[in-house]
Amino acid sequence: QVQLVESGGGLVQAGGSLRLSCAVSGSSIFSITAMGWHRQAPGKQRELVAATTNGGSTTYADSVKGRFTISRDNAKNTVYLQMNSLKPEDTAVYYCNIHGRIGWWGNYGDYWGQGTQVTVSS
């Protein structure tokens, strides 16, 4: 009932920029409490990149602070990740993550996008 559709990944040179988008659709009574982005490189565990809460607070991995910015458009149920000054080590599959529930009576849970590839060449 809840779908997360990501877009914006691609191949860029070091120093370039990309903006990832994640649009949430499905249940009309789905309530989002937090949104975030994770990434996973080959042979490594999935790690948190950035997250934001309904109150507007944000958190970032140390490796992306000052370069990445997470934002959201509540009217569009969309979360964005602006990535600037990209480095080869940023190469990974990026996953959108939503924390929320169906209605006020539902259990909170995490929902994930399919992932989008970001490749940064040197």
N, C-alpha and C. Protein backbone atom coordinates (compact mmCIF):
# COMPACT_ATOMS: atom_id res chain seq x y z
N GLN A 1 0.82 -1.22 0.00
CA GLN A 1 0.00 0.00 0.00
C GLN A 1 0.84 1.26 0.00
N VAL A 2 2.09 1.15 0.40
CA VAL A 2 2.99 2.29 0.43
C VAL A 2 4.15 2.01 -0.51
N GLN A 3 4.36 2.92 -1.45
CA GLN A 3 5.42 2.77 -2.42
C GLN A 3 6.38 3.96 -2.34
N LEU A 4 7.66 3.67 -2.48
CA LEU A 4 8.68 4.70 -2.50
C LEU A 4 9.40 4.61 -3.84
N VAL A 5 9.34 5.67 -4.62
CA VAL A 5 9.95 5.70 -5.94
C VAL A 5 11.08 6.71 -5.95
N GLU A 6 12.29 6.22 -6.20
CA GLU A 6 13.47 7.06 -6.20
C GLU A 6 13.87 7.44 -7.62
N SER A 7 14.55 8.57 -7.73
CA SER A 7 15.06 9.02 -9.00
C SER A 7 16.24 9.96 -8.76
N GLY A 8 17.01 10.22 -9.80
CA GLY A 8 18.08 11.19 -9.71
C GLY A 8 19.49 10.62 -9.69
N GLY A 9 19.61 9.32 -9.58
CA GLY A 9 20.93 8.72 -9.58
C GLY A 9 21.56 8.77 -10.95
N GLY A 10 22.85 8.49 -11.00
CA GLY A 10 23.54 8.50 -12.27
C GLY A 10 25.04 8.50 -12.11
N LEU A 11 25.72 8.79 -13.21
CA LEU A 11 27.17 8.84 -13.25
C LEU A 11 27.63 10.29 -13.34
N VAL A 12 28.50 10.68 -12.43
CA VAL A 12 29.04 12.04 -12.43
C VAL A 12 30.53 11.99 -12.15
N GLN A 13 31.21 13.05 -12.51
CA GLN A 13 32.63 13.17 -12.20
C GLN A 13 32.82 13.73 -10.81
N ALA A 14 33.96 13.45 -10.23
CA ALA A 14 34.28 13.99 -8.91
C ALA A 14 34.13 15.51 -8.92
N GLY A 15 33.52 16.03 -7.86
CA GLY A 15 33.26 17.45 -7.77
C GLY A 15 31.91 17.87 -8.29
N GLY A 16 31.22 16.96 -8.95
CA GLY A 16 29.91 17.26 -9.50
C GLY A 16 28.81 17.13 -8.46
N SER A 17 27.58 17.32 -8.93
CA SER A 17 26.42 17.31 -8.04
C SER A 17 25.30 16.46 -8.60
N LEU A 18 24.50 15.93 -7.71
CA LEU A 18 23.29 15.20 -8.05
C LEU A 18 22.24 15.50 -7.00
N ARG A 19 20.97 15.41 -7.39
CA ARG A 19 19.89 15.52 -6.43
C ARG A 19 19.00 14.30 -6.55
N LEU A 20 18.91 13.56 -5.47
CA LEU A 20 18.05 12.39 -5.42
C LEU A 20 16.67 12.78 -4.90
N SER A 21 15.66 12.14 -5.45
CA SER A 21 14.29 12.38 -5.03
C SER A 21 13.64 11.05 -4.65
N CYS A 22 12.77 11.10 -3.68
CA CYS A 22 12.02 9.93 -3.26
C CYS A 22 10.58 10.35 -3.02
N ALA A 23 9.69 9.88 -3.87
CA ALA A 23 8.28 10.20 -3.76
C ALA A 23 7.52 9.05 -3.13
N VAL A 24 6.74 9.37 -2.12
CA VAL A 24 5.96 8.37 -1.39
C VAL A 24 4.53 8.40 -1.88
N SER A 25 3.99 7.25 -2.23
CA SER A 25 2.61 7.15 -2.69
C SER A 25 1.97 5.90 -2.11
N GLY A 26 0.65 5.83 -2.24
CA GLY A 26 -0.08 4.67 -1.75
C GLY A 26 -1.22 5.07 -0.84
N SER A 27 -1.21 4.55 0.36
CA SER A 27 -2.28 4.80 1.31
C SER A 27 -2.46 6.28 1.59
N SER A 28 -3.70 6.72 1.53
CA SER A 28 -4.01 8.13 1.80
C SER A 28 -3.95 8.46 3.28
N ILE A 29 -3.88 7.45 4.13
CA ILE A 29 -3.82 7.67 5.57
C ILE A 29 -2.46 7.30 6.14
N PHE A 30 -1.47 7.20 5.27
CA PHE A 30 -0.12 6.92 5.73
C PHE A 30 0.47 8.20 6.32
N SER A 31 0.98 8.09 7.52
CA SER A 31 1.54 9.23 8.23
C SER A 31 3.04 9.07 8.36
N ILE A 32 3.77 10.02 7.83
CA ILE A 32 5.23 10.00 7.86
C ILE A 32 5.73 10.77 9.07
N THR A 33 6.63 10.16 9.80
CA THR A 33 7.23 10.83 10.95
C THR A 33 8.68 11.22 10.72
N ALA A 34 9.35 10.50 9.82
CA ALA A 34 10.74 10.81 9.53
C ALA A 34 11.11 10.26 8.17
N MET A 35 12.09 10.88 7.54
CA MET A 35 12.58 10.45 6.24
C MET A 35 14.10 10.45 6.26
N GLY A 36 14.68 9.56 5.48
CA GLY A 36 16.13 9.51 5.45
C GLY A 36 16.67 8.83 4.22
N TRP A 37 17.97 8.88 4.11
CA TRP A 37 18.69 8.22 3.02
C TRP A 37 19.81 7.37 3.59
N HIS A 38 19.94 6.18 3.06
CA HIS A 38 21.04 5.28 3.38
C HIS A 38 21.76 4.93 2.09
N ARG A 39 22.96 4.40 2.23
CA ARG A 39 23.68 3.95 1.05
C ARG A 39 24.45 2.68 1.38
N GLN A 40 24.72 1.91 0.34
CA GLN A 40 25.45 0.67 0.50
C GLN A 40 26.39 0.47 -0.68
N ALA A 41 27.66 0.40 -0.38
CA ALA A 41 28.68 0.12 -1.38
C ALA A 41 28.96 -1.38 -1.40
N PRO A 42 29.46 -1.91 -2.51
CA PRO A 42 29.76 -3.34 -2.59
C PRO A 42 30.67 -3.81 -1.47
N GLY A 43 30.27 -4.89 -0.81
CA GLY A 43 31.06 -5.44 0.26
C GLY A 43 30.96 -4.72 1.58
N LYS A 44 30.12 -3.71 1.66
CA LYS A 44 29.97 -2.94 2.89
C LYS A 44 28.53 -2.97 3.37
N GLN A 45 28.35 -2.65 4.65
CA GLN A 45 27.02 -2.60 5.22
C GLN A 45 26.31 -1.31 4.83
N ARG A 46 24.99 -1.37 4.84
CA ARG A 46 24.21 -0.17 4.58
C ARG A 46 24.42 0.81 5.73
N GLU A 47 24.64 2.07 5.39
CA GLU A 47 24.90 3.08 6.39
C GLU A 47 23.97 4.28 6.22
N LEU A 48 23.70 4.93 7.32
CA LEU A 48 22.89 6.15 7.29
C LEU A 48 23.68 7.28 6.67
N VAL A 49 23.05 7.99 5.75
CA VAL A 49 23.66 9.16 5.12
C VAL A 49 23.09 10.44 5.71
N ALA A 50 21.76 10.54 5.75
CA ALA A 50 21.09 11.72 6.26
C ALA A 50 19.67 11.37 6.64
N ALA A 51 19.12 12.12 7.58
CA ALA A 51 17.75 11.91 8.01
C ALA A 51 17.15 13.21 8.49
N THR A 52 15.83 13.30 8.42
CA THR A 52 15.12 14.48 8.89
C THR A 52 13.81 14.06 9.53
N THR A 53 13.40 14.77 10.57
CA THR A 53 12.16 14.49 11.27
C THR A 53 11.10 15.50 10.88
N ASN A 54 9.85 15.24 11.31
CA ASN A 54 8.77 16.18 11.04
C ASN A 54 9.03 17.54 11.66
N GLY A 55 9.76 17.56 12.76
CA GLY A 55 10.08 18.81 13.42
C GLY A 55 11.16 19.61 12.73
N GLY A 56 11.78 19.04 11.72
CA GLY A 56 12.78 19.76 10.95
C GLY A 56 14.21 19.51 11.34
N SER A 57 14.44 18.71 12.36
CA SER A 57 15.81 18.41 12.74
C SER A 57 16.45 17.49 11.71
N THR A 58 17.74 17.61 11.55
CA THR A 58 18.47 16.80 10.57
C THR A 58 19.71 16.20 11.19
N THR A 59 20.15 15.11 10.60
CA THR A 59 21.39 14.49 11.02
C THR A 59 22.11 13.97 9.79
N TYR A 60 23.42 14.00 9.82
CA TYR A 60 24.22 13.58 8.68
C TYR A 60 25.38 12.71 9.14
N ALA A 61 25.78 11.81 8.27
CA ALA A 61 27.00 11.07 8.51
C ALA A 61 28.18 12.03 8.44
N ASP A 62 29.19 11.78 9.24
CA ASP A 62 30.35 12.67 9.26
C ASP A 62 30.98 12.81 7.87
N SER A 63 30.94 11.76 7.09
CA SER A 63 31.59 11.76 5.79
C SER A 63 30.91 12.67 4.76
N VAL A 64 29.66 13.09 5.03
CA VAL A 64 28.94 13.91 4.06
C VAL A 64 28.59 15.29 4.59
N LYS A 65 28.91 15.57 5.82
CA LYS A 65 28.59 16.88 6.40
C LYS A 65 29.25 18.00 5.59
N GLY A 66 28.46 19.02 5.31
CA GLY A 66 28.95 20.14 4.54
C GLY A 66 28.83 19.96 3.05
N ARG A 67 28.53 18.74 2.60
CA ARG A 67 28.41 18.47 1.18
C ARG A 67 27.00 18.05 0.77
N PHE A 68 26.32 17.32 1.64
CA PHE A 68 24.97 16.83 1.34
C PHE A 68 23.94 17.60 2.16
N THR A 69 22.76 17.76 1.60
CA THR A 69 21.65 18.41 2.29
C THR A 69 20.37 17.63 2.06
N ILE A 70 19.70 17.28 3.14
CA ILE A 70 18.42 16.59 3.04
C ILE A 70 17.30 17.60 3.23
N SER A 71 16.24 17.45 2.47
CA SER A 71 15.08 18.33 2.58
C SER A 71 13.83 17.54 2.22
N ARG A 72 12.67 18.12 2.52
CA ARG A 72 11.42 17.43 2.22
C ARG A 72 10.35 18.41 1.81
N ASP A 73 9.43 17.93 1.00
CA ASP A 73 8.27 18.69 0.58
C ASP A 73 7.06 17.90 1.05
N ASN A 74 6.47 18.34 2.14
CA ASN A 74 5.36 17.61 2.73
C ASN A 74 4.14 17.53 1.81
N ALA A 75 3.90 18.59 1.05
CA ALA A 75 2.76 18.62 0.15
C ALA A 75 2.88 17.55 -0.93
N LYS A 76 4.10 17.25 -1.34
CA LYS A 76 4.35 16.26 -2.38
C LYS A 76 4.76 14.91 -1.82
N ASN A 77 4.85 14.81 -0.50
CA ASN A 77 5.32 13.58 0.13
C ASN A 77 6.63 13.11 -0.49
N THR A 78 7.55 14.04 -0.60
CA THR A 78 8.81 13.77 -1.27
C THR A 78 9.98 14.23 -0.41
N VAL A 79 11.03 13.43 -0.38
CA VAL A 79 12.26 13.79 0.31
C VAL A 79 13.38 13.86 -0.72
N TYR A 80 14.29 14.81 -0.52
CA TYR A 80 15.37 15.03 -1.46
C TYR A 80 16.71 14.90 -0.75
N LEU A 81 17.71 14.57 -1.53
CA LEU A 81 19.08 14.58 -1.05
C LEU A 81 19.92 15.31 -2.08
N GLN A 82 20.32 16.52 -1.76
CA GLN A 82 21.20 17.28 -2.62
C GLN A 82 22.64 16.91 -2.29
N MET A 83 23.36 16.43 -3.28
CA MET A 83 24.72 15.96 -3.09
C MET A 83 25.67 16.83 -3.91
N ASN A 84 26.52 17.56 -3.23
CA ASN A 84 27.49 18.42 -3.87
C ASN A 84 28.90 17.93 -3.58
N SER A 85 29.84 18.40 -4.37
CA SER A 85 31.25 18.05 -4.19
C SER A 85 31.43 16.55 -4.05
N LEU A 86 30.82 15.82 -4.95
CA LEU A 86 30.84 14.36 -4.86
C LEU A 86 32.25 13.81 -5.02
N LYS A 87 32.49 12.74 -4.28
CA LYS A 87 33.78 12.06 -4.28
C LYS A 87 33.60 10.62 -4.73
N PRO A 88 34.66 10.00 -5.25
CA PRO A 88 34.55 8.60 -5.66
C PRO A 88 34.05 7.68 -4.55
N GLU A 89 34.41 7.98 -3.31
CA GLU A 89 33.97 7.16 -2.20
C GLU A 89 32.48 7.30 -1.90
N ASP A 90 31.80 8.23 -2.55
CA ASP A 90 30.35 8.34 -2.43
C ASP A 90 29.63 7.33 -3.31
N THR A 91 30.36 6.64 -4.15
CA THR A 91 29.77 5.65 -5.04
C THR A 91 29.09 4.55 -4.24
N ALA A 92 27.80 4.35 -4.50
CA ALA A 92 27.02 3.36 -3.76
C ALA A 92 25.61 3.33 -4.32
N VAL A 93 24.84 2.37 -3.86
CA VAL A 93 23.41 2.37 -4.11
C VAL A 93 22.76 3.13 -2.97
N TYR A 94 21.97 4.12 -3.30
CA TYR A 94 21.32 4.95 -2.30
C TYR A 94 19.86 4.54 -2.14
N TYR A 95 19.44 4.39 -0.90
CA TYR A 95 18.10 3.94 -0.59
C TYR A 95 17.34 4.99 0.21
N CYS A 96 16.13 5.25 -0.20
CA CYS A 96 15.23 6.12 0.55
C CYS A 96 14.58 5.32 1.67
N ASN A 97 14.44 5.92 2.81
CA ASN A 97 13.82 5.27 3.97
C ASN A 97 12.79 6.20 4.59
N ILE A 98 11.61 5.65 4.85
CA ILE A 98 10.52 6.41 5.47
C ILE A 98 10.08 5.70 6.74
N HIS A 99 9.92 6.45 7.80
CA HIS A 99 9.37 5.93 9.04
C HIS A 99 7.97 6.50 9.21
N GLY A 100 6.99 5.61 9.39
CA GLY A 100 5.63 6.08 9.55
C GLY A 100 4.67 4.95 9.88
N ARG A 101 3.37 5.25 9.75
CA ARG A 101 2.36 4.26 10.06
C ARG A 101 1.09 4.54 9.27
N ILE A 102 0.23 3.51 9.18
CA ILE A 102 -1.05 3.64 8.52
C ILE A 102 -2.07 4.10 9.56
N GLY A 103 -2.56 5.32 9.37
CA GLY A 103 -3.51 5.87 10.31
C GLY A 103 -2.89 6.09 11.68
N TRP A 104 -3.71 6.57 12.59
CA TRP A 104 -3.22 6.81 13.94
C TRP A 104 -3.16 5.54 14.77
N TRP A 105 -3.81 4.49 14.29
CA TRP A 105 -3.89 3.24 15.02
C TRP A 105 -2.84 2.22 14.60
N GLY A 106 -2.16 2.45 13.50
CA GLY A 106 -1.21 1.50 12.98
C GLY A 106 0.10 1.47 13.75
N ASN A 107 0.85 0.42 13.50
CA ASN A 107 2.18 0.29 14.09
C ASN A 107 3.19 1.06 13.25
N TYR A 108 4.11 1.69 13.92
CA TYR A 108 5.18 2.37 13.21
C TYR A 108 6.10 1.35 12.55
N GLY A 109 6.59 1.70 11.38
CA GLY A 109 7.49 0.82 10.67
C GLY A 109 8.34 1.57 9.68
N ASP A 110 9.32 0.88 9.12
CA ASP A 110 10.21 1.46 8.13
C ASP A 110 9.88 0.93 6.74
N TYR A 111 9.93 1.83 5.77
CA TYR A 111 9.67 1.49 4.38
C TYR A 111 10.85 1.94 3.55
N TRP A 112 11.20 1.12 2.56
CA TRP A 112 12.40 1.36 1.79
C TRP A 112 12.12 1.46 0.30
N GLY A 113 12.89 2.30 -0.36
CA GLY A 113 12.84 2.38 -1.81
C GLY A 113 13.66 1.27 -2.43
N GLN A 114 13.62 1.18 -3.75
CA GLN A 114 14.32 0.11 -4.46
C GLN A 114 15.81 0.36 -4.60
N GLY A 115 16.23 1.57 -4.37
CA GLY A 115 17.63 1.93 -4.49
C GLY A 115 17.95 2.54 -5.84
N THR A 116 18.84 3.50 -5.84
CA THR A 116 19.29 4.12 -7.08
C THR A 116 20.80 4.24 -7.06
N GLN A 117 21.43 3.88 -8.17
CA GLN A 117 22.88 3.84 -8.24
C GLN A 117 23.47 5.23 -8.44
N VAL A 118 24.45 5.54 -7.63
CA VAL A 118 25.23 6.76 -7.78
C VAL A 118 26.68 6.36 -7.99
N THR A 119 27.25 6.76 -9.11
CA THR A 119 28.63 6.43 -9.42
C THR A 119 29.40 7.72 -9.66
N VAL A 120 30.48 7.89 -8.92
CA VAL A 120 31.31 9.08 -9.03
C VAL A 120 32.67 8.66 -9.56
N SER A 121 33.03 9.16 -10.71
CA SER A 121 34.30 8.83 -11.33
C SER A 121 35.35 9.85 -10.97
N SER A 122 36.60 9.42 -10.98
CA SER A 122 37.71 10.32 -10.69
C SER A 122 38.30 10.90 -11.96
